[in-house]
Amino acid sequence: MTTSDLGADAVWPVEESDEPRGPVGKAFRLSAADSLSLGNALSGFLAVCVLAWSAITDLQSSHKFEPDPRFFGTAVVLLLVGATCDLFDGLVARKFRASAMGAELDNLADVISFGFAPAFMVVVWGGFSGRLPLLLVLFAAGSILLAGVVRLARFACVKTKSGDFMGLPIPMGAMTVVSIVLLFQPSYFTIAGIVAVAWLMVSRIEYPKPKGNLAAVVLAWMMINVACLTIWAARLAGGDQLITVGATMQIAIVSAIPLRVLMFKKQQRRERRSMNVG
């Protein structure tokens, strides 16, 4: 039987190509905003390396690990550098050109710098202390990592009507965990605080998105924190007071915003009830 016997209308199966379609070349072009996202990821990776080096060096020399403030200070400065890159990459993407990979690169970098790095810091801070069960420390660290992953996935899928963040933004959550680690010794109370931060990240509480003047205030706040941490890590005069004030303010801000939002919503419900009664 030849092909002519099958008729002119015969349909032959066509193999589907696995090659990607569309303007593939554009997907491999990195924009200026992507470079900042990569800088964010690199900062998170270096922060983990600094903490791991601190632990390994101490364990090799004395067989007992005691966190060195200088290593923690360096790691936190790197995380703040990552947070600054994260703040600017969106601004740069809107001002100039965003690549096809921009959103994905941003989320992946955030997982490293504000999910894995703070979780690893919690393990180094509490896992070697002997004050808490290791499983409890791992639970708290894991809750931060998983909450950050869920937070970023939800941010990519869900948009609020107001345009604000639903749940505590992951950079702010990471900085709050860092503040707890820097201010307090490992205890059941501080572990509960870290788990509470993880809950805030996946909660439905709306946090204002930094725009305009607020973005400038956030950037200034980060720069002040970097300066305070540098003074503290260098063990200069007044460094302990500066880091205490800065970390306390970070925890206070994160705690105050949910209370303010809840009070505002409660006031709105009262106003609606009074309008319905009237």
C-alpha atoms as a PDB file:
ATOM      1  CA  MET A   1       0.000   0.000   0.000  1.00  0.00           C
ATOM      2  CA  THR A   2       1.381   3.370  -1.037  1.00  0.00           C
ATOM      3  CA  THR A   3       0.726   6.797   0.268  1.00  0.00           C
ATOM      4  CA  SER A   4      -1.573   7.490  -2.652  1.00  0.00           C
ATOM      5  CA  ASP A   5      -3.858   4.669  -1.512  1.00  0.00           C
ATOM      6  CA  LEU A   6      -4.561   6.556   1.712  1.00  0.00           C
ATOM      7  CA  GLY A   7      -6.112   9.501  -0.033  1.00  0.00           C
ATOM      8  CA  ALA A   8      -5.292  13.143  -0.098  1.00  0.00           C
ATOM      9  CA  ASP A   9      -7.091  13.806   3.157  1.00  0.00           C
ATOM     10  CA  ALA A  10      -5.030  11.379   5.238  1.00  0.00           C
ATOM     11  CA  VAL A  11      -3.713  12.935   8.442  1.00  0.00           C
ATOM     12  CA  TRP A  12      -0.320  11.824   9.651  1.00  0.00           C
ATOM     13  CA  PRO A  13       0.627  12.151  13.315  1.00  0.00           C
ATOM     14  CA  VAL A  14       3.031  15.009  13.842  1.00  0.00           C
ATOM     15  CA  GLU A  15       5.546  14.798  16.654  1.00  0.00           C
ATOM     16  CA  GLU A  16       5.292  17.674  19.092  1.00  0.00           C
ATOM     17  CA  SER A  17       8.556  19.479  19.543  1.00  0.00           C
ATOM     18  CA  ASP A  18       9.842  19.870  23.059  1.00  0.00           C
ATOM     19  CA  GLU A  19      11.655  23.053  22.097  1.00  0.00           C
ATOM     20  CA  PRO A  20      10.347  26.180  23.844  1.00  0.00           C
ATOM     21  CA  ARG A  21       8.369  28.580  21.715  1.00  0.00           C
ATOM     22  CA  GLY A  22       8.317  32.353  21.668  1.00  0.00           C
ATOM     23  CA  PRO A  23      11.098  34.916  22.076  1.00  0.00           C
ATOM     24  CA  VAL A  24      13.436  32.573  23.935  1.00  0.00           C
ATOM     25  CA  GLY A  25      16.425  34.837  23.483  1.00  0.00           C
ATOM     26  CA  LYS A  26      14.864  37.555  25.624  1.00  0.00           C
ATOM     27  CA  ALA A  27      14.517  35.134  28.548  1.00  0.00           C
ATOM     28  CA  PHE A  28      18.289  34.871  28.799  1.00  0.00           C
ATOM     29  CA  ARG A  29      18.925  38.588  28.938  1.00  0.00           C
ATOM     30  CA  LEU A  30      19.553  39.949  32.413  1.00  0.00           C
ATOM     31  CA  SER A  31      18.371  43.453  33.184  1.00  0.00           C
ATOM     32  CA  ALA A  32      19.765  45.867  35.759  1.00  0.00           C
ATOM     33  CA  ALA A  33      17.000  44.820  38.165  1.00  0.00           C
ATOM     34  CA  ASP A  34      18.003  41.147  37.718  1.00  0.00           C
ATOM     35  CA  SER A  35      21.571  42.029  38.704  1.00  0.00           C
ATOM     36  CA  LEU A  36      20.241  43.436  41.978  1.00  0.00           C
ATOM     37  CA  SER A  37      18.225  40.245  42.563  1.00  0.00           C
ATOM     38  CA  LEU A  38      21.376  38.192  41.990  1.00  0.00           C
ATOM     39  CA  GLY A  39      23.226  40.472  44.408  1.00  0.00           C
ATOM     40  CA  ASN A  40      20.498  39.779  46.948  1.00  0.00           C
ATOM     41  CA  ALA A  41      20.941  36.009  46.507  1.00  0.00           C
ATOM     42  CA  LEU A  42      24.729  36.284  46.760  1.00  0.00           C
ATOM     43  CA  SER A  43      24.454  38.343  49.972  1.00  0.00           C
ATOM     44  CA  GLY A  44      22.260  35.665  51.562  1.00  0.00           C
ATOM     45  CA  PHE A  45      24.673  32.930  50.517  1.00  0.00           C
ATOM     46  CA  LEU A  46      27.674  34.819  51.938  1.00  0.00           C
ATOM     47  CA  ALA A  47      25.799  35.394  55.214  1.00  0.00           C
ATOM     48  CA  VAL A  48      25.285  31.634  55.570  1.00  0.00           C
ATOM     49  CA  CYS A  49      28.972  31.041  54.737  1.00  0.00           C
ATOM     50  CA  VAL A  50      30.088  33.507  57.422  1.00  0.00           C
ATOM     51  CA  LEU A  51      27.943  31.815  60.078  1.00  0.00           C
ATOM     52  CA  ALA A  52      29.049  28.325  59.029  1.00  0.00           C
ATOM     53  CA  TRP A  53      32.706  29.404  59.070  1.00  0.00           C
ATOM     54  CA  SER A  54      32.250  30.837  62.562  1.00  0.00           C
ATOM     55  CA  ALA A  55      30.778  27.584  63.880  1.00  0.00           C
ATOM     56  CA  ILE A  56      33.296  25.310  62.171  1.00  0.00           C
ATOM     57  CA  THR A  57      36.304  27.374  63.274  1.00  0.00           C
ATOM     58  CA  ASP A  58      35.203  27.453  66.918  1.00  0.00           C
ATOM     59  CA  LEU A  59      34.382  23.754  67.009  1.00  0.00           C
ATOM     60  CA  GLN A  60      37.746  22.851  65.507  1.00  0.00           C
ATOM     61  CA  SER A  61      39.721  24.989  67.951  1.00  0.00           C
ATOM     62  CA  SER A  62      37.843  24.535  71.240  1.00  0.00           C
ATOM     63  CA  HIS A  63      35.267  21.800  70.528  1.00  0.00           C
ATOM     64  CA  LYS A  64      32.662  24.205  71.886  1.00  0.00           C
ATOM     65  CA  PHE A  65      30.818  26.803  69.873  1.00  0.00           C
ATOM     66  CA  GLU A  66      30.144  30.263  71.267  1.00  0.00           C
ATOM     67  CA  PRO A  67      28.687  32.697  68.707  1.00  0.00           C
ATOM     68  CA  ASP A  68      31.113  35.525  67.941  1.00  0.00           C
ATOM     69  CA  PRO A  69      29.276  38.879  67.665  1.00  0.00           C
ATOM     70  CA  ARG A  70      31.579  39.926  64.845  1.00  0.00           C
ATOM     71  CA  PHE A  71      30.501  37.004  62.661  1.00  0.00           C
ATOM     72  CA  PHE A  72      26.841  37.591  63.452  1.00  0.00           C
ATOM     73  CA  GLY A  73      27.275  41.304  62.757  1.00  0.00           C
ATOM     74  CA  THR A  74      28.901  40.574  59.397  1.00  0.00           C
ATOM     75  CA  ALA A  75      26.123  38.149  58.473  1.00  0.00           C
ATOM     76  CA  VAL A  76      23.444  40.678  59.390  1.00  0.00           C
ATOM     77  CA  VAL A  77      25.155  43.425  57.383  1.00  0.00           C
ATOM     78  CA  LEU A  78      25.132  41.084  54.375  1.00  0.00           C
ATOM     79  CA  LEU A  79      21.415  40.431  54.883  1.00  0.00           C
ATOM     80  CA  LEU A  80      20.794  44.172  55.040  1.00  0.00           C
ATOM     81  CA  VAL A  81      22.742  44.590  51.798  1.00  0.00           C
ATOM     82  CA  GLY A  82      20.478  41.921  50.322  1.00  0.00           C
ATOM     83  CA  ALA A  83      17.411  43.751  51.635  1.00  0.00           C
ATOM     84  CA  THR A  84      18.649  46.971  50.007  1.00  0.00           C
ATOM     85  CA  CYS A  85      19.071  45.142  46.685  1.00  0.00           C
ATOM     86  CA  ASP A  86      15.568  43.726  47.102  1.00  0.00           C
ATOM     87  CA  LEU A  87      14.157  47.197  47.711  1.00  0.00           C
ATOM     88  CA  PHE A  88      15.846  48.659  44.637  1.00  0.00           C
ATOM     89  CA  ASP A  89      15.276  45.866  42.123  1.00  0.00           C
ATOM     90  CA  GLY A  90      11.565  46.659  41.854  1.00  0.00           C
ATOM     91  CA  LEU A  91      12.247  50.379  41.532  1.00  0.00           C
ATOM     92  CA  VAL A  92      14.865  49.780  38.845  1.00  0.00           C
ATOM     93  CA  ALA A  93      12.581  47.350  36.986  1.00  0.00           C
ATOM     94  CA  ARG A  94       9.800  49.952  36.870  1.00  0.00           C
ATOM     95  CA  LYS A  95      12.159  52.747  35.886  1.00  0.00           C
ATOM     96  CA  PHE A  96      14.063  50.885  33.186  1.00  0.00           C
ATOM     97  CA  ARG A  97      13.444  47.443  31.679  1.00  0.00           C
ATOM     98  CA  ALA A  98      12.329  44.244  33.390  1.00  0.00           C
ATOM     99  CA  SER A  99      13.320  40.878  31.936  1.00  0.00           C
ATOM    100  CA  ALA A 100      11.095  37.834  31.543  1.00  0.00           C
ATOM    101  CA  MET A 101      12.849  36.242  34.524  1.00  0.00           C
ATOM    102  CA  GLY A 102      12.572  39.231  36.849  1.00  0.00           C
ATOM    103  CA  ALA A 103       9.774  38.084  39.169  1.00  0.00           C
ATOM    104  CA  GLU A 104      11.116  34.526  39.424  1.00  0.00           C
ATOM    105  CA  LEU A 105      14.663  35.692  40.150  1.00  0.00           C
ATOM    106  CA  ASP A 106      13.387  38.061  42.830  1.00  0.00           C
ATOM    107  CA  ASN A 107      11.454  35.323  44.643  1.00  0.00           C
ATOM    108  CA  LEU A 108      14.296  32.802  44.423  1.00  0.00           C
ATOM    109  CA  ALA A 109      16.774  35.350  45.786  1.00  0.00           C
ATOM    110  CA  ASP A 110      14.389  36.212  48.643  1.00  0.00           C
ATOM    111  CA  VAL A 111      14.138  32.541  49.614  1.00  0.00           C
ATOM    112  CA  ILE A 112      17.924  32.410  50.032  1.00  0.00           C
ATOM    113  CA  SER A 113      18.475  35.732  51.808  1.00  0.00           C
ATOM    114  CA  PHE A 114      15.313  36.053  53.889  1.00  0.00           C
ATOM    115  CA  GLY A 115      14.225  32.432  54.234  1.00  0.00           C
ATOM    116  CA  PHE A 116      17.194  30.098  54.427  1.00  0.00           C
ATOM    117  CA  ALA A 117      19.797  32.523  55.834  1.00  0.00           C
ATOM    118  CA  PRO A 118      17.760  33.624  58.910  1.00  0.00           C
ATOM    119  CA  ALA A 119      16.640  30.027  59.478  1.00  0.00           C
ATOM    120  CA  PHE A 120      20.284  28.930  59.474  1.00  0.00           C
ATOM    121  CA  MET A 121      21.104  31.788  61.839  1.00  0.00           C
ATOM    122  CA  VAL A 122      18.471  30.497  64.274  1.00  0.00           C
ATOM    123  CA  VAL A 123      20.075  27.035  64.157  1.00  0.00           C
ATOM    124  CA  VAL A 124      23.559  28.436  64.815  1.00  0.00           C
ATOM    125  CA  TRP A 125      22.209  30.696  67.589  1.00  0.00           C
ATOM    126  CA  GLY A 126      20.120  28.119  69.445  1.00  0.00           C
ATOM    127  CA  GLY A 127      21.245  24.714  68.230  1.00  0.00           C
ATOM    128  CA  PHE A 128      24.670  24.853  69.870  1.00  0.00           C
ATOM    129  CA  SER A 129      23.613  26.643  73.047  1.00  0.00           C
ATOM    130  CA  GLY A 130      22.601  23.580  75.060  1.00  0.00           C
ATOM    131  CA  ARG A 131      19.716  25.600  76.512  1.00  0.00           C
ATOM    132  CA  LEU A 132      17.018  24.206  74.245  1.00  0.00           C
ATOM    133  CA  PRO A 133      16.234  20.858  72.624  1.00  0.00           C
ATOM    134  CA  LEU A 134      17.683  20.743  69.134  1.00  0.00           C
ATOM    135  CA  LEU A 135      14.366  19.592  67.675  1.00  0.00           C
ATOM    136  CA  LEU A 136      12.646  22.698  69.047  1.00  0.00           C
ATOM    137  CA  VAL A 137      15.279  24.966  67.499  1.00  0.00           C
ATOM    138  CA  LEU A 138      14.947  23.145  64.183  1.00  0.00           C
ATOM    139  CA  PHE A 139      11.170  23.521  64.375  1.00  0.00           C
ATOM    140  CA  ALA A 140      11.464  27.290  64.825  1.00  0.00           C
ATOM    141  CA  ALA A 141      14.056  27.589  62.042  1.00  0.00           C
ATOM    142  CA  GLY A 142      11.976  25.406  59.740  1.00  0.00           C
ATOM    143  CA  SER A 143       8.862  27.458  60.441  1.00  0.00           C
ATOM    144  CA  ILE A 144      10.677  30.608  59.295  1.00  0.00           C
ATOM    145  CA  LEU A 145      11.905  28.937  56.114  1.00  0.00           C
ATOM    146  CA  LEU A 146       8.560  27.362  55.198  1.00  0.00           C
ATOM    147  CA  ALA A 147       6.564  30.479  56.078  1.00  0.00           C
ATOM    148  CA  GLY A 148       8.868  32.501  53.839  1.00  0.00           C
ATOM    149  CA  VAL A 149       8.381  30.086  50.935  1.00  0.00           C
ATOM    150  CA  VAL A 150       4.590  30.115  51.366  1.00  0.00           C
ATOM    151  CA  ARG A 151       4.618  33.906  51.736  1.00  0.00           C
ATOM    152  CA  LEU A 152       6.471  34.386  48.461  1.00  0.00           C
ATOM    153  CA  ALA A 153       4.294  31.874  46.589  1.00  0.00           C
ATOM    154  CA  ARG A 154       1.140  33.582  47.829  1.00  0.00           C
ATOM    155  CA  PHE A 155       2.518  37.004  46.915  1.00  0.00           C
ATOM    156  CA  ALA A 156       2.969  35.777  43.333  1.00  0.00           C
ATOM    157  CA  CYS A 157      -0.617  34.485  43.148  1.00  0.00           C
ATOM    158  CA  VAL A 158      -2.748  36.758  45.343  1.00  0.00           C
ATOM    159  CA  LYS A 159      -3.131  40.513  44.986  1.00  0.00           C
ATOM    160  CA  THR A 160      -4.898  42.582  47.642  1.00  0.00           C
ATOM    161  CA  LYS A 161      -7.471  45.209  46.698  1.00  0.00           C
ATOM    162  CA  SER A 162      -5.518  47.892  48.506  1.00  0.00           C
ATOM    163  CA  GLY A 163      -2.228  46.949  46.842  1.00  0.00           C
ATOM    164  CA  ASP A 164      -0.576  46.386  50.232  1.00  0.00           C
ATOM    165  CA  PHE A 165       1.224  43.232  51.339  1.00  0.00           C
ATOM    166  CA  MET A 166      -0.882  40.408  52.746  1.00  0.00           C
ATOM    167  CA  GLY A 167       1.176  39.102  55.629  1.00  0.00           C
ATOM    168  CA  LEU A 168       4.488  40.348  56.975  1.00  0.00           C
ATOM    169  CA  PRO A 169       6.890  40.897  54.036  1.00  0.00           C
ATOM    170  CA  ILE A 170       9.683  38.335  54.117  1.00  0.00           C
ATOM    171  CA  PRO A 171      12.565  40.896  54.346  1.00  0.00           C
ATOM    172  CA  MET A 172      10.920  42.495  57.389  1.00  0.00           C
ATOM    173  CA  GLY A 173      10.285  39.068  58.874  1.00  0.00           C
ATOM    174  CA  ALA A 174      13.932  38.135  58.407  1.00  0.00           C
ATOM    175  CA  MET A 175      15.120  41.352  60.053  1.00  0.00           C
ATOM    176  CA  THR A 176      12.791  40.718  62.987  1.00  0.00           C
ATOM    177  CA  VAL A 177      14.193  37.216  63.471  1.00  0.00           C
ATOM    178  CA  VAL A 178      17.699  38.682  63.307  1.00  0.00           C
ATOM    179  CA  SER A 179      16.728  41.283  65.928  1.00  0.00           C
ATOM    180  CA  ILE A 180      15.499  38.553  68.287  1.00  0.00           C
ATOM    181  CA  VAL A 181      18.737  36.610  67.788  1.00  0.00           C
ATOM    182  CA  LEU A 182      20.888  39.675  68.449  1.00  0.00           C
ATOM    183  CA  LEU A 183      18.943  40.888  71.495  1.00  0.00           C
ATOM    184  CA  PHE A 184      18.178  37.712  73.408  1.00  0.00           C
ATOM    185  CA  GLN A 185      19.675  34.438  74.506  1.00  0.00           C
ATOM    186  CA  PRO A 186      18.008  31.210  73.323  1.00  0.00           C
ATOM    187  CA  SER A 187      14.961  30.423  75.462  1.00  0.00           C
ATOM    188  CA  TYR A 188      11.433  29.100  75.115  1.00  0.00           C
ATOM    189  CA  PHE A 189      10.190  32.699  75.092  1.00  0.00           C
ATOM    190  CA  THR A 190      12.420  33.761  72.191  1.00  0.00           C
ATOM    191  CA  ILE A 191      11.618  30.575  70.246  1.00  0.00           C
ATOM    192  CA  ALA A 192       7.920  31.452  70.639  1.00  0.00           C
ATOM    193  CA  GLY A 193       8.688  34.925  69.280  1.00  0.00           C
ATOM    194  CA  ILE A 194      10.383  33.435  66.192  1.00  0.00           C
ATOM    195  CA  VAL A 195       7.415  31.136  65.554  1.00  0.00           C
ATOM    196  CA  ALA A 196       5.116  34.174  65.946  1.00  0.00           C
ATOM    197  CA  VAL A 197       7.083  35.975  63.219  1.00  0.00           C
ATOM    198  CA  ALA A 198       6.581  32.951  60.944  1.00  0.00           C
ATOM    199  CA  TRP A 199       2.837  33.116  61.637  1.00  0.00           C
ATOM    200  CA  LEU A 200       2.730  36.834  60.801  1.00  0.00           C
ATOM    201  CA  MET A 201       4.324  36.123  57.420  1.00  0.00           C
ATOM    202  CA  VAL A 202       1.510  33.752  56.408  1.00  0.00           C
ATOM    203  CA  SER A 203      -1.265  35.701  58.138  1.00  0.00           C
ATOM    204  CA  ARG A 204      -3.875  37.835  56.366  1.00  0.00           C
ATOM    205  CA  ILE A 205      -2.809  41.013  58.125  1.00  0.00           C
ATOM    206  CA  GLU A 206      -2.053  43.710  55.546  1.00  0.00           C
ATOM    207  CA  TYR A 207       1.216  45.610  55.782  1.00  0.00           C
ATOM    208  CA  PRO A 208       1.737  48.884  53.888  1.00  0.00           C
ATOM    209  CA  LYS A 209       3.873  48.645  50.768  1.00  0.00           C
ATOM    210  CA  PRO A 210       6.827  51.076  50.710  1.00  0.00           C
ATOM    211  CA  LYS A 211       6.060  53.706  48.073  1.00  0.00           C
ATOM    212  CA  GLY A 212       7.381  57.205  47.529  1.00  0.00           C
ATOM    213  CA  ASN A 213       8.407  58.788  50.815  1.00  0.00           C
ATOM    214  CA  LEU A 214       7.810  55.549  52.705  1.00  0.00           C
ATOM    215  CA  ALA A 215      10.318  53.742  50.452  1.00  0.00           C
ATOM    216  CA  ALA A 216      12.865  56.481  51.194  1.00  0.00           C
ATOM    217  CA  VAL A 217      12.237  56.070  54.934  1.00  0.00           C
ATOM    218  CA  VAL A 218      12.710  52.286  54.658  1.00  0.00           C
ATOM    219  CA  LEU A 219      15.994  52.771  52.784  1.00  0.00           C
ATOM    220  CA  ALA A 220      17.216  55.277  55.375  1.00  0.00           C
ATOM    221  CA  TRP A 221      16.248  52.843  58.131  1.00  0.00           C
ATOM    222  CA  MET A 222      18.332  50.099  56.469  1.00  0.00           C
ATOM    223  CA  MET A 223      21.342  52.373  56.103  1.00  0.00           C
ATOM    224  CA  ILE A 224      21.132  53.378  59.766  1.00  0.00           C
ATOM    225  CA  ASN A 225      20.937  49.710  60.743  1.00  0.00           C
ATOM    226  CA  VAL A 226      24.011  48.923  58.644  1.00  0.00           C
ATOM    227  CA  ALA A 227      25.925  51.738  60.362  1.00  0.00           C
ATOM    228  CA  CYS A 228      24.815  50.596  63.826  1.00  0.00           C
ATOM    229  CA  LEU A 229      25.741  46.984  63.095  1.00  0.00           C
ATOM    230  CA  THR A 230      29.141  47.993  61.766  1.00  0.00           C
ATOM    231  CA  ILE A 231      29.876  49.980  64.926  1.00  0.00           C
ATOM    232  CA  TRP A 232      28.660  47.083  67.060  1.00  0.00           C
ATOM    233  CA  ALA A 233      30.632  44.410  65.187  1.00  0.00           C
ATOM    234  CA  ALA A 234      33.788  46.548  65.398  1.00  0.00           C
ATOM    235  CA  ARG A 235      33.235  46.762  69.181  1.00  0.00           C
ATOM    236  CA  LEU A 236      33.420  50.536  69.166  1.00  0.00           C
ATOM    237  CA  ALA A 237      32.116  52.656  72.022  1.00  0.00           C
ATOM    238  CA  GLY A 238      28.331  52.817  72.150  1.00  0.00           C
ATOM    239  CA  GLY A 239      27.875  49.892  69.774  1.00  0.00           C
ATOM    240  CA  ASP A 240      25.918  47.778  72.258  1.00  0.00           C
ATOM    241  CA  GLN A 241      23.453  50.583  72.932  1.00  0.00           C
ATOM    242  CA  LEU A 242      22.969  51.264  69.217  1.00  0.00           C
ATOM    243  CA  ILE A 243      22.262  47.650  68.316  1.00  0.00           C
ATOM    244  CA  THR A 244      19.908  47.282  71.268  1.00  0.00           C
ATOM    245  CA  VAL A 245      17.899  50.347  70.267  1.00  0.00           C
ATOM    246  CA  GLY A 246      17.774  49.357  66.597  1.00  0.00           C
ATOM    247  CA  ALA A 247      16.728  45.753  67.224  1.00  0.00           C
ATOM    248  CA  THR A 248      14.138  46.807  69.790  1.00  0.00           C
ATOM    249  CA  MET A 249      12.621  49.304  67.348  1.00  0.00           C
ATOM    250  CA  GLN A 250      12.453  46.636  64.628  1.00  0.00           C
ATOM    251  CA  ILE A 251      10.541  44.262  66.918  1.00  0.00           C
ATOM    252  CA  ALA A 252       8.293  47.085  68.119  1.00  0.00           C
ATOM    253  CA  ILE A 253       7.400  48.160  64.566  1.00  0.00           C
ATOM    254  CA  VAL A 254       6.521  44.625  63.480  1.00  0.00           C
ATOM    255  CA  SER A 255       4.426  44.135  66.622  1.00  0.00           C
ATOM    256  CA  ALA A 256       2.675  47.499  66.374  1.00  0.00           C
ATOM    257  CA  ILE A 257       1.504  47.257  62.766  1.00  0.00           C
ATOM    258  CA  PRO A 258      -0.815  44.247  63.315  1.00  0.00           C
ATOM    259  CA  LEU A 259      -2.278  45.904  66.407  1.00  0.00           C
ATOM    260  CA  ARG A 260      -2.864  49.115  64.445  1.00  0.00           C
ATOM    261  CA  VAL A 261      -4.515  47.210  61.595  1.00  0.00           C
ATOM    262  CA  LEU A 262      -6.764  45.265  63.979  1.00  0.00           C
ATOM    263  CA  MET A 263      -7.788  48.472  65.756  1.00  0.00           C
ATOM    264  CA  PHE A 264      -8.518  50.148  62.410  1.00  0.00           C
ATOM    265  CA  LYS A 265     -10.687  47.252  61.240  1.00  0.00           C
ATOM    266  CA  LYS A 266     -12.506  47.187  64.576  1.00  0.00           C
ATOM    267  CA  GLN A 267     -13.236  50.899  64.210  1.00  0.00           C
ATOM    268  CA  GLN A 268     -14.531  50.313  60.664  1.00  0.00           C
ATOM    269  CA  ARG A 269     -16.900  47.604  61.909  1.00  0.00           C
ATOM    270  CA  ARG A 270     -18.230  49.947  64.581  1.00  0.00           C
ATOM    271  CA  GLU A 271     -18.819  52.666  61.995  1.00  0.00           C
ATOM    272  CA  ARG A 272     -20.676  50.235  59.717  1.00  0.00           C
ATOM    273  CA  ARG A 273     -22.855  49.079  62.608  1.00  0.00           C
ATOM    274  CA  SER A 274     -23.676  52.659  63.554  1.00  0.00           C
ATOM    275  CA  MET A 275     -24.600  53.468  59.936  1.00  0.00           C
ATOM    276  CA  ASN A 276     -26.819  50.385  59.738  1.00  0.00           C
ATOM    277  CA  VAL A 277     -28.554  51.311  62.993  1.00  0.00           C
ATOM    278  CA  GLY A 278     -29.021  54.894  61.834  1.00  0.00           C
END
